[in-house]
Amino acid sequence: MSDKTKPRVWILDRDRVPFLLYVPNLIGYMRVVTLAYAVASPDVASPGAIRCLLLSLALDFIDGPAARALRMCTQFGDLLDHFTD
């Protein structure tokens, strides 16, 4: 990559960031946390648990397109996405 095509923000540069810290994987980690909170909630029908499930659903629609747009597709990210689904 030439200097003109490299992203200005370091977290978006897949050559400088370990794959565990790729933006789509960070979104996946947030999904795991929100799902864990929803499941661990004493009342799974509570507003907090439902908000967490809705947030996880919204993030599910974002992580795949973000991975493709940022060219940060990895086998780990694919497995993380299947695990959280």
Protein backbone atom coordinates (compact mmCIF):
# COMPACT_ATOMS: atom_id res chain seq x y z
CA MET A 1 0.00 0.00 0.00
CA SER A 2 1.24 3.46 -0.74
CA ASP A 3 1.17 6.17 1.89
CA LYS A 4 -1.74 7.88 0.15
CA THR A 5 -4.02 4.84 0.42
CA LYS A 6 -3.21 4.00 4.05
CA PRO A 7 -5.91 4.93 6.56
CA ARG A 8 -5.12 7.93 8.71
CA VAL A 9 -6.56 6.31 11.83
CA TRP A 10 -4.30 3.51 13.11
CA ILE A 11 -7.17 1.25 14.26
CA LEU A 12 -8.43 1.10 10.65
CA ASP A 13 -5.04 0.03 9.26
CA ARG A 14 -5.15 -3.76 9.14
CA ASP A 15 -1.38 -3.93 8.62
CA ARG A 16 -0.65 -2.20 11.94
CA VAL A 17 -3.31 -3.76 14.17
CA PRO A 18 -3.39 -7.38 15.39
CA PHE A 19 -6.43 -9.21 14.04
CA LEU A 20 -7.86 -9.57 17.57
CA LEU A 21 -8.26 -5.77 17.61
CA TYR A 22 -9.86 -5.39 14.18
CA VAL A 23 -12.92 -3.15 14.40
CA PRO A 24 -15.38 -5.91 13.37
CA ASN A 25 -13.94 -8.18 16.07
CA LEU A 26 -14.35 -5.40 18.64
CA ILE A 27 -18.00 -5.20 17.58
CA GLY A 28 -18.21 -8.98 18.07
CA TYR A 29 -16.78 -8.69 21.58
CA MET A 30 -19.45 -6.11 22.38
CA ARG A 31 -22.06 -8.57 21.16
CA VAL A 32 -20.71 -11.27 23.49
CA VAL A 33 -20.84 -8.88 26.45
CA THR A 34 -24.40 -7.73 25.70
CA LEU A 35 -25.61 -11.30 25.24
CA ALA A 36 -23.92 -12.41 28.47
CA TYR A 37 -25.58 -9.55 30.34
CA ALA A 38 -28.99 -10.41 28.89
CA VAL A 39 -28.66 -14.09 29.77
CA ALA A 40 -27.29 -13.40 33.27
CA SER A 41 -30.10 -10.97 34.04
CA PRO A 42 -32.43 -12.34 36.74
CA ASP A 43 -35.43 -11.44 34.60
CA VAL A 44 -34.71 -12.10 30.93
CA ALA A 45 -37.79 -10.06 30.01
CA SER A 46 -36.51 -6.97 31.84
CA PRO A 47 -36.06 -3.78 29.84
CA GLY A 48 -32.26 -3.96 30.32
CA ALA A 49 -32.05 -7.49 28.97
CA ILE A 50 -34.27 -6.66 26.01
CA ARG A 51 -32.17 -3.58 25.22
CA CYS A 52 -29.02 -5.72 25.28
CA LEU A 53 -30.58 -8.23 22.91
CA LEU A 54 -31.68 -5.45 20.56
CA LEU A 55 -28.20 -3.90 20.70
CA SER A 56 -26.65 -7.27 19.89
CA LEU A 57 -29.02 -7.66 16.95
CA ALA A 58 -28.17 -4.18 15.66
CA LEU A 59 -24.44 -4.88 16.00
CA ASP A 60 -24.91 -8.13 14.09
CA PHE A 61 -26.04 -6.12 11.07
CA ILE A 62 -22.98 -3.86 11.35
CA ASP A 63 -20.05 -6.25 11.88
CA GLY A 64 -20.19 -8.10 8.56
CA PRO A 65 -20.44 -5.05 6.30
CA ALA A 66 -17.77 -3.31 8.40
CA ALA A 67 -15.41 -6.27 7.96
CA ARG A 68 -15.88 -6.26 4.20
CA ALA A 69 -15.68 -2.47 3.85
CA LEU A 70 -12.50 -2.26 5.95
CA ARG A 71 -11.05 -5.44 4.40
CA MET A 72 -10.71 -6.95 7.89
CA CYS A 73 -12.28 -10.35 7.20
CA THR A 74 -10.67 -13.15 9.22
CA GLN A 75 -11.52 -16.73 10.05
CA PHE A 76 -11.54 -15.74 13.73
CA GLY A 77 -14.11 -13.01 13.03
CA ASP A 78 -16.25 -15.46 11.10
CA LEU A 79 -16.18 -17.93 13.99
CA LEU A 80 -16.88 -15.15 16.51
CA ASP A 81 -19.90 -14.09 14.47
CA HIS A 82 -21.24 -17.65 14.31
CA PHE A 83 -20.63 -18.11 18.04
CA THR A 84 -22.58 -14.98 18.95
CA ASP A 85 -25.40 -15.79 16.53
